Amino acid sequence: MDEVKIKVESREAFFASAVKRAVKIDKGDFSAGPATISYETMEQFLRIITPNRWSLLRALRQSGASSIRALSQLLGRDCRGVHADVTALIDAGLIEKQADSKIRVPWKKITAEMDFELAA
């Protein structure tokens, strides 16, 4: 998959989407859509996707697989802060660590989608 969608959506909407996907699979439709990461509130979303982390994602996507030290030099940031941000983004599924310990953004496209009522 090349794309991940980050959503702010209710629990009900999340489970409704999962049921729709399950029905498609039951019918034999195994076509892959974009991966999805959902947050129940805008506050949860903003705890993970901070401005620094968004810049980190962009820089890492543009530069390719990198060590945390090289990434911190590229960003002009403290290595410990970059390490903390990378760890949070790995936990969120937006960055992956390779066998050689380098990190990379596996997505060509990251789309953020939020319901205004839930995001307000």
PDB file of N, CA and C in Angstrom:
ATOM      1  N   MET A   1       0.836  -1.190   0.000  1.00  0.00           N
ATOM      2  CA  MET A   1       0.000   0.000   0.000  1.00  0.00           C
ATOM      3  C   MET A   1       0.875   1.247   0.000  1.00  0.00           C
ATOM      4  N   ASP A   2       0.437   2.236  -0.730  1.00  0.00           N
ATOM      5  CA  ASP A   2       1.210   3.475  -0.818  1.00  0.00           C
ATOM      6  C   ASP A   2       0.610   4.597   0.017  1.00  0.00           C
ATOM      7  N   GLU A   3      -0.622   4.434   0.467  1.00  0.00           N
ATOM      8  CA  GLU A   3      -1.328   5.536   1.108  1.00  0.00           C
ATOM      9  C   GLU A   3      -1.866   5.116   2.468  1.00  0.00           C
ATOM     10  N   VAL A   4      -1.827   6.065   3.375  1.00  0.00           N
ATOM     11  CA  VAL A   4      -2.466   5.889   4.672  1.00  0.00           C
ATOM     12  C   VAL A   4      -3.386   7.092   4.899  1.00  0.00           C
ATOM     13  N   LYS A   5      -4.570   6.814   5.407  1.00  0.00           N
ATOM     14  CA  LYS A   5      -5.508   7.874   5.773  1.00  0.00           C
ATOM     15  C   LYS A   5      -5.538   7.957   7.286  1.00  0.00           C
ATOM     16  N   ILE A   6      -5.348   9.160   7.784  1.00  0.00           N
ATOM     17  CA  ILE A   6      -5.458   9.410   9.215  1.00  0.00           C
ATOM     18  C   ILE A   6      -6.798  10.092   9.414  1.00  0.00           C
ATOM     19  N   LYS A   7      -7.627   9.512  10.278  1.00  0.00           N
ATOM     20  CA  LYS A   7      -8.982  10.033  10.451  1.00  0.00           C
ATOM     21  C   LYS A   7      -9.279  10.371  11.903  1.00  0.00           C
ATOM     22  N   VAL A   8     -10.094  11.394  12.068  1.00  0.00           N
ATOM     23  CA  VAL A   8     -10.747  11.650  13.346  1.00  0.00           C
ATOM     24  C   VAL A   8     -12.189  11.241  13.100  1.00  0.00           C
ATOM     25  N   GLU A   9     -12.592  10.169  13.760  1.00  0.00           N
ATOM     26  CA  GLU A   9     -13.945   9.661  13.548  1.00  0.00           C
ATOM     27  C   GLU A   9     -14.461   9.005  14.823  1.00  0.00           C
ATOM     28  N   SER A  10     -15.757   8.954  14.932  1.00  0.00           N
ATOM     29  CA  SER A  10     -16.365   8.347  16.109  1.00  0.00           C
ATOM     30  C   SER A  10     -16.097   6.844  16.118  1.00  0.00           C
ATOM     31  N   ARG A  11     -16.261   6.261  17.272  1.00  0.00           N
ATOM     32  CA  ARG A  11     -16.108   4.821  17.408  1.00  0.00           C
ATOM     33  C   ARG A  11     -17.118   4.090  16.521  1.00  0.00           C
ATOM     34  N   GLU A  12     -18.326   4.639  16.467  1.00  0.00           N
ATOM     35  CA  GLU A  12     -19.389   4.044  15.658  1.00  0.00           C
ATOM     36  C   GLU A  12     -19.004   4.050  14.175  1.00  0.00           C
ATOM     37  N   ALA A  13     -18.458   5.166  13.705  1.00  0.00           N
ATOM     38  CA  ALA A  13     -18.042   5.270  12.305  1.00  0.00           C
ATOM     39  C   ALA A  13     -16.902   4.298  12.011  1.00  0.00           C
ATOM     40  N   PHE A  14     -15.990   4.173  12.949  1.00  0.00           N
ATOM     41  CA  PHE A  14     -14.877   3.240  12.784  1.00  0.00           C
ATOM     42  C   PHE A  14     -15.396   1.816  12.607  1.00  0.00           C
ATOM     43  N   PHE A  15     -16.303   1.403  13.497  1.00  0.00           N
ATOM     44  CA  PHE A  15     -16.814   0.035  13.422  1.00  0.00           C
ATOM     45  C   PHE A  15     -17.710  -0.167  12.203  1.00  0.00           C
ATOM     46  N   ALA A  16     -18.430   0.874  11.785  1.00  0.00           N
ATOM     47  CA  ALA A  16     -19.244   0.771  10.568  1.00  0.00           C
ATOM     48  C   ALA A  16     -18.350   0.524   9.351  1.00  0.00           C
ATOM     49  N   SER A  17     -17.213   1.203   9.292  1.00  0.00           N
ATOM     50  CA  SER A  17     -16.254   0.988   8.198  1.00  0.00           C
ATOM     51  C   SER A  17     -15.691  -0.426   8.241  1.00  0.00           C
ATOM     52  N   ALA A  18     -15.413  -0.908   9.437  1.00  0.00           N
ATOM     53  CA  ALA A  18     -14.882  -2.273   9.576  1.00  0.00           C
ATOM     54  C   ALA A  18     -15.910  -3.301   9.104  1.00  0.00           C
ATOM     55  N   VAL A  19     -17.169  -3.082   9.419  1.00  0.00           N
ATOM     56  CA  VAL A  19     -18.227  -3.998   8.981  1.00  0.00           C
ATOM     57  C   VAL A  19     -18.340  -3.973   7.456  1.00  0.00           C
ATOM     58  N   LYS A  20     -18.292  -2.783   6.849  1.00  0.00           N
ATOM     59  CA  LYS A  20     -18.354  -2.682   5.382  1.00  0.00           C
ATOM     60  C   LYS A  20     -17.209  -3.454   4.742  1.00  0.00           C
ATOM     61  N   ARG A  21     -16.024  -3.318   5.314  1.00  0.00           N
ATOM     62  CA  ARG A  21     -14.853  -4.027   4.780  1.00  0.00           C
ATOM     63  C   ARG A  21     -15.033  -5.538   4.925  1.00  0.00           C
ATOM     64  N   ALA A  22     -15.560  -5.969   6.073  1.00  0.00           N
ATOM     65  CA  ALA A  22     -15.794  -7.402   6.302  1.00  0.00           C
ATOM     66  C   ALA A  22     -16.806  -7.962   5.309  1.00  0.00           C
ATOM     67  N   VAL A  23     -17.840  -7.196   5.000  1.00  0.00           N
ATOM     68  CA  VAL A  23     -18.845  -7.636   4.021  1.00  0.00           C
ATOM     69  C   VAL A  23     -18.188  -7.806   2.656  1.00  0.00           C
ATOM     70  N   LYS A  24     -17.324  -6.861   2.268  1.00  0.00           N
ATOM     71  CA  LYS A  24     -16.608  -6.977   0.988  1.00  0.00           C
ATOM     72  C   LYS A  24     -15.755  -8.239   0.955  1.00  0.00           C
ATOM     73  N   ILE A  25     -15.065  -8.499   2.040  1.00  0.00           N
ATOM     74  CA  ILE A  25     -14.206  -9.692   2.107  1.00  0.00           C
ATOM     75  C   ILE A  25     -15.062 -10.949   2.020  1.00  0.00           C
ATOM     76  N   ASP A  26     -16.198 -10.955   2.726  1.00  0.00           N
ATOM     77  CA  ASP A  26     -17.105 -12.113   2.660  1.00  0.00           C
ATOM     78  C   ASP A  26     -17.591 -12.376   1.244  1.00  0.00           C
ATOM     79  N   LYS A  27     -17.685 -11.312   0.451  1.00  0.00           N
ATOM     80  CA  LYS A  27     -18.125 -11.448  -0.945  1.00  0.00           C
ATOM     81  C   LYS A  27     -16.964 -11.776  -1.887  1.00  0.00           C
ATOM     82  N   GLY A  28     -15.772 -11.924  -1.314  1.00  0.00           N
ATOM     83  CA  GLY A  28     -14.617 -12.283  -2.133  1.00  0.00           C
ATOM     84  C   GLY A  28     -13.823 -11.102  -2.658  1.00  0.00           C
ATOM     85  N   ASP A  29     -14.166  -9.903  -2.247  1.00  0.00           N
ATOM     86  CA  ASP A  29     -13.442  -8.706  -2.692  1.00  0.00           C
ATOM     87  C   ASP A  29     -12.282  -8.447  -1.724  1.00  0.00           C
ATOM     88  N   PHE A  30     -11.083  -8.815  -2.146  1.00  0.00           N
ATOM     89  CA  PHE A  30      -9.906  -8.644  -1.310  1.00  0.00           C
ATOM     90  C   PHE A  30      -9.061  -7.449  -1.755  1.00  0.00           C
ATOM     91  N   SER A  31      -9.640  -6.586  -2.578  1.00  0.00           N
ATOM     92  CA  SER A  31      -8.888  -5.423  -3.062  1.00  0.00           C
ATOM     93  C   SER A  31      -8.513  -4.529  -1.882  1.00  0.00           C
ATOM     94  N   ALA A  32      -7.311  -4.060  -1.938  1.00  0.00           N
ATOM     95  CA  ALA A  32      -6.802  -3.244  -0.831  1.00  0.00           C
ATOM     96  C   ALA A  32      -7.068  -1.770  -1.091  1.00  0.00           C
ATOM     97  N   GLY A  33      -7.609  -1.118  -0.118  1.00  0.00           N
ATOM     98  CA  GLY A  33      -7.742   0.332  -0.145  1.00  0.00           C
ATOM     99  C   GLY A  33      -6.601   0.895   0.680  1.00  0.00           C
ATOM    100  N   PRO A  34      -6.629   2.180   0.912  1.00  0.00           N
ATOM    101  CA  PRO A  34      -5.564   2.751   1.738  1.00  0.00           C
ATOM    102  C   PRO A  34      -5.651   2.235   3.176  1.00  0.00           C
ATOM    103  N   ALA A  35      -4.507   2.141   3.819  1.00  0.00           N
ATOM    104  CA  ALA A  35      -4.482   1.823   5.244  1.00  0.00           C
ATOM    105  C   ALA A  35      -5.136   2.986   5.988  1.00  0.00           C
ATOM    106  N   THR A  36      -5.703   2.720   7.145  1.00  0.00           N
ATOM    107  CA  THR A  36      -6.379   3.763   7.906  1.00  0.00           C
ATOM    108  C   THR A  36      -5.916   3.737   9.353  1.00  0.00           C
ATOM    109  N   ILE A  37      -5.649   4.912   9.877  1.00  0.00           N
ATOM    110  CA  ILE A  37      -5.355   5.095  11.298  1.00  0.00           C
ATOM    111  C   ILE A  37      -6.409   6.059  11.812  1.00  0.00           C
ATOM    112  N   SER A  38      -7.157   5.634  12.828  1.00  0.00           N
ATOM    113  CA  SER A  38      -8.263   6.455  13.322  1.00  0.00           C
ATOM    114  C   SER A  38      -8.017   6.926  14.749  1.00  0.00           C
ATOM    115  N   TYR A  39      -8.443   8.153  14.992  1.00  0.00           N
ATOM    116  CA  TYR A  39      -8.432   8.734  16.330  1.00  0.00           C
ATOM    117  C   TYR A  39      -9.853   9.163  16.652  1.00  0.00           C
ATOM    118  N   GLU A  40     -10.226   8.997  17.894  1.00  0.00           N
ATOM    119  CA  GLU A  40     -11.596   9.304  18.294  1.00  0.00           C
ATOM    120  C   GLU A  40     -11.813  10.806  18.507  1.00  0.00           C
ATOM    121  N   THR A  41     -10.762  11.529  18.843  1.00  0.00           N
ATOM    122  CA  THR A  41     -10.900  12.968  19.066  1.00  0.00           C
ATOM    123  C   THR A  41      -9.773  13.722  18.374  1.00  0.00           C
ATOM    124  N   MET A  42     -10.019  14.985  18.126  1.00  0.00           N
ATOM    125  CA  MET A  42      -9.005  15.842  17.533  1.00  0.00           C
ATOM    126  C   MET A  42      -7.820  15.996  18.479  1.00  0.00           C
ATOM    127  N   GLU A  43      -8.085  15.991  19.768  1.00  0.00           N
ATOM    128  CA  GLU A  43      -7.010  16.108  20.757  1.00  0.00           C
ATOM    129  C   GLU A  43      -6.040  14.929  20.656  1.00  0.00           C
ATOM    130  N   GLN A  44      -6.575  13.722  20.482  1.00  0.00           N
ATOM    131  CA  GLN A  44      -5.718  12.548  20.306  1.00  0.00           C
ATOM    132  C   GLN A  44      -4.879  12.686  19.034  1.00  0.00           C
ATOM    133  N   PHE A  45      -5.518  13.112  17.967  1.00  0.00           N
ATOM    134  CA  PHE A  45      -4.835  13.320  16.689  1.00  0.00           C
ATOM    135  C   PHE A  45      -3.681  14.312  16.856  1.00  0.00           C
ATOM    136  N   LEU A  46      -3.957  15.444  17.511  1.00  0.00           N
ATOM    137  CA  LEU A  46      -2.951  16.496  17.646  1.00  0.00           C
ATOM    138  C   LEU A  46      -1.835  16.140  18.632  1.00  0.00           C
ATOM    139  N   ARG A  47      -2.080  15.187  19.531  1.00  0.00           N
ATOM    140  CA  ARG A  47      -1.006  14.708  20.410  1.00  0.00           C
ATOM    141  C   ARG A  47       0.023  13.912  19.606  1.00  0.00           C
ATOM    142  N   ILE A  48      -0.420  13.264  18.544  1.00  0.00           N
ATOM    143  CA  ILE A  48       0.484  12.461  17.726  1.00  0.00           C
ATOM    144  C   ILE A  48       1.051  13.276  16.566  1.00  0.00           C
ATOM    145  N   ILE A  49       0.210  13.981  15.842  1.00  0.00           N
ATOM    146  CA  ILE A  49       0.638  14.729  14.657  1.00  0.00           C
ATOM    147  C   ILE A  49       0.880  16.191  15.050  1.00  0.00           C
ATOM    148  N   THR A  50       2.036  16.428  15.641  1.00  0.00           N
ATOM    149  CA  THR A  50       2.430  17.787  16.006  1.00  0.00           C
ATOM    150  C   THR A  50       3.121  18.440  14.807  1.00  0.00           C
ATOM    151  N   PRO A  51       3.277  19.752  14.814  1.00  0.00           N
ATOM    152  CA  PRO A  51       4.006  20.392  13.707  1.00  0.00           C
ATOM    153  C   PRO A  51       5.421  19.835  13.512  1.00  0.00           C
ATOM    154  N   ASN A  52       6.158  19.609  14.614  1.00  0.00           N
ATOM    155  CA  ASN A  52       7.510  19.051  14.487  1.00  0.00           C
ATOM    156  C   ASN A  52       7.489  17.659  13.873  1.00  0.00           C
ATOM    157  N   ARG A  53       6.517  16.853  14.277  1.00  0.00           N
ATOM    158  CA  ARG A  53       6.441  15.489  13.740  1.00  0.00           C
ATOM    159  C   ARG A  53       6.025  15.496  12.278  1.00  0.00           C
ATOM    160  N   TRP A  54       5.153  16.427  11.903  1.00  0.00           N
ATOM    161  CA  TRP A  54       4.760  16.531  10.490  1.00  0.00           C
ATOM    162  C   TRP A  54       5.979  16.919   9.648  1.00  0.00           C
ATOM    163  N   SER A  55       6.776  17.867  10.138  1.00  0.00           N
ATOM    164  CA  SER A  55       8.008  18.263   9.433  1.00  0.00           C
ATOM    165  C   SER A  55       8.974  17.093   9.346  1.00  0.00           C
ATOM    166  N   LEU A  56       9.072  16.320  10.408  1.00  0.00           N
ATOM    167  CA  LEU A  56       9.934  15.150  10.434  1.00  0.00           C
ATOM    168  C   LEU A  56       9.487  14.140   9.377  1.00  0.00           C
ATOM    169  N   LEU A  57       8.184  13.879   9.306  1.00  0.00           N
ATOM    170  CA  LEU A  57       7.653  12.954   8.302  1.00  0.00           C
ATOM    171  C   LEU A  57       8.000  13.416   6.890  1.00  0.00           C
ATOM    172  N   ARG A  58       7.791  14.711   6.633  1.00  0.00           N
ATOM    173  CA  ARG A  58       8.084  15.264   5.305  1.00  0.00           C
ATOM    174  C   ARG A  58       9.565  15.110   4.964  1.00  0.00           C
ATOM    175  N   ALA A  59      10.429  15.487   5.914  1.00  0.00           N
ATOM    176  CA  ALA A  59      11.876  15.423   5.678  1.00  0.00           C
ATOM    177  C   ALA A  59      12.333  13.983   5.468  1.00  0.00           C
ATOM    178  N   LEU A  60      11.810  13.065   6.263  1.00  0.00           N
ATOM    179  CA  LEU A  60      12.201  11.670   6.136  1.00  0.00           C
ATOM    180  C   LEU A  60      11.696  11.076   4.825  1.00  0.00           C
ATOM    181  N   ARG A  61      10.510  11.444   4.416  1.00  0.00           N
ATOM    182  CA  ARG A  61       9.964  10.952   3.138  1.00  0.00           C
ATOM    183  C   ARG A  61      10.827  11.439   1.973  1.00  0.00           C
ATOM    184  N   GLN A  62      11.241  12.712   2.034  1.00  0.00           N
ATOM    185  CA  GLN A  62      12.033  13.287   0.955  1.00  0.00           C
ATOM    186  C   GLN A  62      13.457  12.737   0.925  1.00  0.00           C
ATOM    187  N   SER A  63      14.045  12.511   2.102  1.00  0.00           N
ATOM    188  CA  SER A  63      15.447  12.075   2.152  1.00  0.00           C
ATOM    189  C   SER A  63      15.608  10.570   2.015  1.00  0.00           C
ATOM    190  N   GLY A  64      14.571   9.813   2.291  1.00  0.00           N
ATOM    191  CA  GLY A  64      14.668   8.353   2.251  1.00  0.00           C
ATOM    192  C   GLY A  64      15.125   7.800   3.583  1.00  0.00           C
ATOM    193  N   ALA A  65      15.321   6.495   3.636  1.00  0.00           N
ATOM    194  CA  ALA A  65      15.706   5.821   4.876  1.00  0.00           C
ATOM    195  C   ALA A  65      16.916   6.507   5.502  1.00  0.00           C
ATOM    196  N   SER A  66      16.877   6.630   6.822  1.00  0.00           N
ATOM    197  CA  SER A  66      17.896   7.410   7.506  1.00  0.00           C
ATOM    198  C   SER A  66      18.072   6.908   8.931  1.00  0.00           C
ATOM    199  N   SER A  67      19.193   7.264   9.517  1.00  0.00           N
ATOM    200  CA  SER A  67      19.380   7.039  10.949  1.00  0.00           C
ATOM    201  C   SER A  67      18.740   8.220  11.683  1.00  0.00           C
ATOM    202  N   ILE A  68      18.464   8.029  12.938  1.00  0.00           N
ATOM    203  CA  ILE A  68      17.883   9.121  13.730  1.00  0.00           C
ATOM    204  C   ILE A  68      18.883  10.266  13.846  1.00  0.00           C
ATOM    205  N   ARG A  69      20.149   9.935  14.009  1.00  0.00           N
ATOM    206  CA  ARG A  69      21.187  10.971  14.111  1.00  0.00           C
ATOM    207  C   ARG A  69      21.243  11.817  12.838  1.00  0.00           C
ATOM    208  N   ALA A  70      21.246  11.169  11.679  1.00  0.00           N
ATOM    209  CA  ALA A  70      21.291  11.904  10.410  1.00  0.00           C
ATOM    210  C   ALA A  70      20.030  12.743  10.230  1.00  0.00           C
ATOM    211  N   LEU A  71      18.895  12.193  10.633  1.00  0.00           N
ATOM    212  CA  LEU A  71      17.639  12.941  10.531  1.00  0.00           C
ATOM    213  C   LEU A  71      17.652  14.157  11.444  1.00  0.00           C
ATOM    214  N   SER A  72      18.173  14.007  12.646  1.00  0.00           N
ATOM    215  CA  SER A  72      18.222  15.153  13.565  1.00  0.00           C
ATOM    216  C   SER A  72      19.140  16.240  13.013  1.00  0.00           C
ATOM    217  N   GLN A  73      20.233  15.854  12.363  1.00  0.00           N
ATOM    218  CA  GLN A  73      21.125  16.844  11.741  1.00  0.00           C
ATOM    219  C   GLN A  73      20.421  17.541  10.584  1.00  0.00           C
ATOM    220  N   LEU A  74      19.696  16.773   9.780  1.00  0.00           N
ATOM    221  CA  LEU A  74      18.955  17.345   8.658  1.00  0.00           C
ATOM    222  C   LEU A  74      17.921  18.358   9.142  1.00  0.00           C
ATOM    223  N   LEU A  75      17.253  18.033  10.244  1.00  0.00           N
ATOM    224  CA  LEU A  75      16.211  18.912  10.788  1.00  0.00           C
ATOM    225  C   LEU A  75      16.769  20.038  11.657  1.00  0.00           C
ATOM    226  N   GLY A  76      18.037  19.922  12.053  1.00  0.00           N
ATOM    227  CA  GLY A  76      18.629  20.915  12.947  1.00  0.00           C
ATOM    228  C   GLY A  76      18.013  20.846  14.340  1.00  0.00           C
ATOM    229  N   ARG A  77      17.707  19.622  14.777  1.00  0.00           N
ATOM    230  CA  ARG A  77      17.067  19.408  16.079  1.00  0.00           C
ATOM    231  C   ARG A  77      17.919  18.492  16.941  1.00  0.00           C
ATOM    232  N   ASP A  78      17.684  18.546  18.237  1.00  0.00           N
ATOM    233  CA  ASP A  78      18.335  17.686  19.206  1.00  0.00           C
ATOM    234  C   ASP A  78      17.995  16.222  18.934  1.00  0.00           C
ATOM    235  N   CYS A  79      18.977  15.355  19.012  1.00  0.00           N
ATOM    236  CA  CYS A  79      18.799  13.935  18.697  1.00  0.00           C
ATOM    237  C   CYS A  79      17.774  13.269  19.627  1.00  0.00           C
ATOM    238  N   ARG A  80      17.764  13.659  20.911  1.00  0.00           N
ATOM    239  CA  ARG A  80      16.806  13.056  21.849  1.00  0.00           C
ATOM    240  C   ARG A  80      15.370  13.410  21.497  1.00  0.00           C
ATOM    241  N   GLY A  81      15.147  14.653  21.094  1.00  0.00           N
ATOM    242  CA  GLY A  81      13.806  15.073  20.708  1.00  0.00           C
ATOM    243  C   GLY A  81      13.341  14.364  19.446  1.00  0.00           C
ATOM    244  N   VAL A  82      14.236  14.225  18.486  1.00  0.00           N
ATOM    245  CA  VAL A  82      13.908  13.512  17.241  1.00  0.00           C
ATOM    246  C   VAL A  82      13.637  12.050  17.555  1.00  0.00           C
ATOM    247  N   HIS A  83      14.430  11.456  18.440  1.00  0.00           N
ATOM    248  CA  HIS A  83      14.220  10.061  18.828  1.00  0.00           C
ATOM    249  C   HIS A  83      12.836   9.879  19.452  1.00  0.00           C
ATOM    250  N   ALA A  84      12.444  10.785  20.329  1.00  0.00           N
ATOM    251  CA  ALA A  84      11.117  10.704  20.964  1.00  0.00           C
ATOM    252  C   ALA A  84      10.012  10.825  19.914  1.00  0.00           C
ATOM    253  N   ASP A  85      10.182  11.743  18.965  1.00  0.00           N
ATOM    254  CA  ASP A  85       9.175  11.907  17.907  1.00  0.00           C
ATOM    255  C   ASP A  85       9.122  10.677  16.999  1.00  0.00           C
ATOM    256  N   VAL A  86      10.273  10.130  16.665  1.00  0.00           N
ATOM    257  CA  VAL A  86      10.321   8.937  15.818  1.00  0.00           C
ATOM    258  C   VAL A  86       9.633   7.769  16.526  1.00  0.00           C
ATOM    259  N   THR A  87       9.898   7.602  17.810  1.00  0.00           N
ATOM    260  CA  THR A  87       9.262   6.523  18.571  1.00  0.00           C
ATOM    261  C   THR A  87       7.742   6.670  18.549  1.00  0.00           C
ATOM    262  N   ALA A  88       7.249   7.883  18.754  1.00  0.00           N
ATOM    263  CA  ALA A  88       5.796   8.117  18.722  1.00  0.00           C
ATOM    264  C   ALA A  88       5.224   7.819  17.338  1.00  0.00           C
ATOM    265  N   LEU A  89       5.942   8.186  16.297  1.00  0.00           N
ATOM    266  CA  LEU A  89       5.449   7.954  14.931  1.00  0.00           C
ATOM    267  C   LEU A  89       5.555   6.484  14.522  1.00  0.00           C
ATOM    268  N   ILE A  90       6.514   5.760  15.063  1.00  0.00           N
ATOM    269  CA  ILE A  90       6.577   4.312  14.845  1.00  0.00           C
ATOM    270  C   ILE A  90       5.374   3.663  15.523  1.00  0.00           C
ATOM    271  N   ASP A  91       5.119   4.056  16.774  1.00  0.00           N
ATOM    272  CA  ASP A  91       3.978   3.517  17.519  1.00  0.00           C
ATOM    273  C   ASP A  91       2.659   3.819  16.811  1.00  0.00           C
ATOM    274  N   ALA A  92       2.590   4.966  16.130  1.00  0.00           N
ATOM    275  CA  ALA A  92       1.374   5.369  15.418  1.00  0.00           C
ATOM    276  C   ALA A  92       1.247   4.683  14.054  1.00  0.00           C
ATOM    277  N   GLY A  93       2.299   4.025  13.600  1.00  0.00           N
ATOM    278  CA  GLY A  93       2.253   3.340  12.310  1.00  0.00           C
ATOM    279  C   GLY A  93       2.602   4.200  11.117  1.00  0.00           C
ATOM    280  N   LEU A  94       3.206   5.355  11.349  1.00  0.00           N
ATOM    281  CA  LEU A  94       3.533   6.265  10.257  1.00  0.00           C
ATOM    282  C   LEU A  94       4.989   6.166   9.804  1.00  0.00           C
ATOM    283  N   ILE A  95       5.825   5.573  10.641  1.00  0.00           N
ATOM    284  CA  ILE A  95       7.234   5.332  10.312  1.00  0.00           C
ATOM    285  C   ILE A  95       7.504   3.873  10.636  1.00  0.00           C
ATOM    286  N   GLU A  96       8.417   3.272   9.861  1.00  0.00           N
ATOM    287  CA  GLU A  96       8.821   1.913  10.195  1.00  0.00           C
ATOM    288  C   GLU A  96      10.332   1.842  10.337  1.00  0.00           C
ATOM    289  N   LYS A  97      10.763   0.931  11.197  1.00  0.00           N
ATOM    290  CA  LYS A  97      12.187   0.704  11.412  1.00  0.00           C
ATOM    291  C   LYS A  97      12.596  -0.509  10.595  1.00  0.00           C
ATOM    292  N   GLN A  98      13.643  -0.354   9.836  1.00  0.00           N
ATOM    293  CA  GLN A  98      14.135  -1.427   8.970  1.00  0.00           C
ATOM    294  C   GLN A  98      15.076  -2.343   9.745  1.00  0.00           C
ATOM    295  N   ALA A  99      15.434  -3.461   9.140  1.00  0.00           N
ATOM    296  CA  ALA A  99      16.346  -4.430   9.764  1.00  0.00           C
ATOM    297  C   ALA A  99      17.713  -3.810  10.064  1.00  0.00           C
ATOM    298  N   ASP A 100      18.136  -2.838   9.252  1.00  0.00           N
ATOM    299  CA  ASP A 100      19.432  -2.181   9.462  1.00  0.00           C
ATOM    300  C   ASP A 100      19.334  -1.023  10.462  1.00  0.00           C
ATOM    301  N   SER A 101      18.192  -0.918  11.162  1.00  0.00           N
ATOM    302  CA  SER A 101      17.916   0.101  12.179  1.00  0.00           C
ATOM    303  C   SER A 101      17.639   1.488  11.612  1.00  0.00           C
ATOM    304  N   LYS A 102      17.678   1.636  10.297  1.00  0.00           N
ATOM    305  CA  LYS A 102      17.287   2.917   9.715  1.00  0.00           C
ATOM    306  C   LYS A 102      15.764   3.010   9.750  1.00  0.00           C
ATOM    307  N   ILE A 103      15.276   4.222   9.705  1.00  0.00           N
ATOM    308  CA  ILE A 103      13.839   4.461   9.722  1.00  0.00           C
ATOM    309  C   ILE A 103      13.413   5.015   8.369  1.00  0.00           C
ATOM    310  N   ARG A 104      12.141   4.789   8.050  1.00  0.00           N
ATOM    311  CA  ARG A 104      11.635   5.314   6.787  1.00  0.00           C
ATOM    312  C   ARG A 104      10.137   5.505   6.884  1.00  0.00           C
ATOM    313  N   VAL A 105       9.615   6.349   6.005  1.00  0.00           N
ATOM    314  CA  VAL A 105       8.175   6.533   5.854  1.00  0.00           C
ATOM    315  C   VAL A 105       7.749   5.599   4.725  1.00  0.00           C
ATOM    316  N   PRO A 106       6.928   4.583   5.029  1.00  0.00           N
ATOM    317  CA  PRO A 106       6.560   3.627   3.983  1.00  0.00           C
ATOM    318  C   PRO A 106       5.454   4.121   3.053  1.00  0.00           C
ATOM    319  N   TRP A 107       4.936   5.300   3.318  1.00  0.00           N
ATOM    320  CA  TRP A 107       3.786   5.822   2.571  1.00  0.00           C
ATOM    321  C   TRP A 107       4.230   6.865   1.562  1.00  0.00           C
ATOM    322  N   LYS A 108       3.646   6.824   0.359  1.00  0.00           N
ATOM    323  CA  LYS A 108       3.867   7.880  -0.618  1.00  0.00           C
ATOM    324  C   LYS A 108       2.910   9.026  -0.366  1.00  0.00           C
ATOM    325  N   LYS A 109       1.776   8.707   0.245  1.00  0.00           N
ATOM    326  CA  LYS A 109       0.753   9.722   0.474  1.00  0.00           C
ATOM    327  C   LYS A 109       0.139   9.512   1.852  1.00  0.00           C
ATOM    328  N   ILE A 110       0.057  10.588   2.616  1.00  0.00           N
ATOM    329  CA  ILE A 110      -0.635  10.580   3.903  1.00  0.00           C
ATOM    330  C   ILE A 110      -1.758  11.602   3.802  1.00  0.00           C
ATOM    331  N   THR A 111      -2.970  11.122   4.006  1.00  0.00           N
ATOM    332  CA  THR A 111      -4.142  11.989   3.919  1.00  0.00           C
ATOM    333  C   THR A 111      -4.771  12.093   5.299  1.00  0.00           C
ATOM    334  N   ALA A 112      -5.056  13.307   5.732  1.00  0.00           N
ATOM    335  CA  ALA A 112      -5.753  13.519   7.005  1.00  0.00           C
ATOM    336  C   ALA A 112      -7.195  13.879   6.698  1.00  0.00           C
ATOM    337  N   GLU A 113      -8.089  13.233   7.404  1.00  0.00           N
ATOM    338  CA  GLU A 113      -9.520  13.405   7.165  1.00  0.00           C
ATOM    339  C   GLU A 113     -10.209  13.507   8.520  1.00  0.00           C
ATOM    340  N   MET A 114     -11.022  14.548   8.706  1.00  0.00           N
ATOM    341  CA  MET A 114     -11.720  14.656   9.978  1.00  0.00           C
ATOM    342  C   MET A 114     -13.125  15.202   9.816  1.00  0.00           C
ATOM    343  N   ASP A 115     -14.009  14.691  10.626  1.00  0.00           N
ATOM    344  CA  ASP A 115     -15.388  15.147  10.677  1.00  0.00           C
ATOM    345  C   ASP A 115     -15.386  16.435  11.503  1.00  0.00           C
ATOM    346  N   PHE A 116     -15.853  17.510  10.927  1.00  0.00           N
ATOM    347  CA  PHE A 116     -15.801  18.810  11.599  1.00  0.00           C
ATOM    348  C   PHE A 116     -16.488  18.771  12.959  1.00  0.00           C
ATOM    349  N   GLU A 117     -17.586  18.064  13.054  1.00  0.00           N
ATOM    350  CA  GLU A 117     -18.313  17.973  14.332  1.00  0.00           C
ATOM    351  C   GLU A 117     -17.464  17.291  15.399  1.00  0.00           C
ATOM    352  N   LEU A 118     -16.722  16.269  15.021  1.00  0.00           N
ATOM    353  CA  LEU A 118     -15.864  15.577  15.980  1.00  0.00           C
ATOM    354  C   LEU A 118     -14.593  16.359  16.240  1.00  0.00           C
ATOM    355  N   ALA A 119     -14.132  17.082  15.246  1.00  0.00           N
ATOM    356  CA  ALA A 119     -12.872  17.821  15.378  1.00  0.00           C
ATOM    357  C   ALA A 119     -13.061  19.141  16.118  1.00  0.00           C
ATOM    358  N   ALA A 120     -14.277  19.618  16.216  1.00  0.00           N
ATOM    359  CA  ALA A 120     -14.521  20.923  16.866  1.00  0.00           C
ATOM    360  C   ALA A 120     -14.371  20.846  18.353  1.00  0.00           C
TER     361      ALA A 120
END
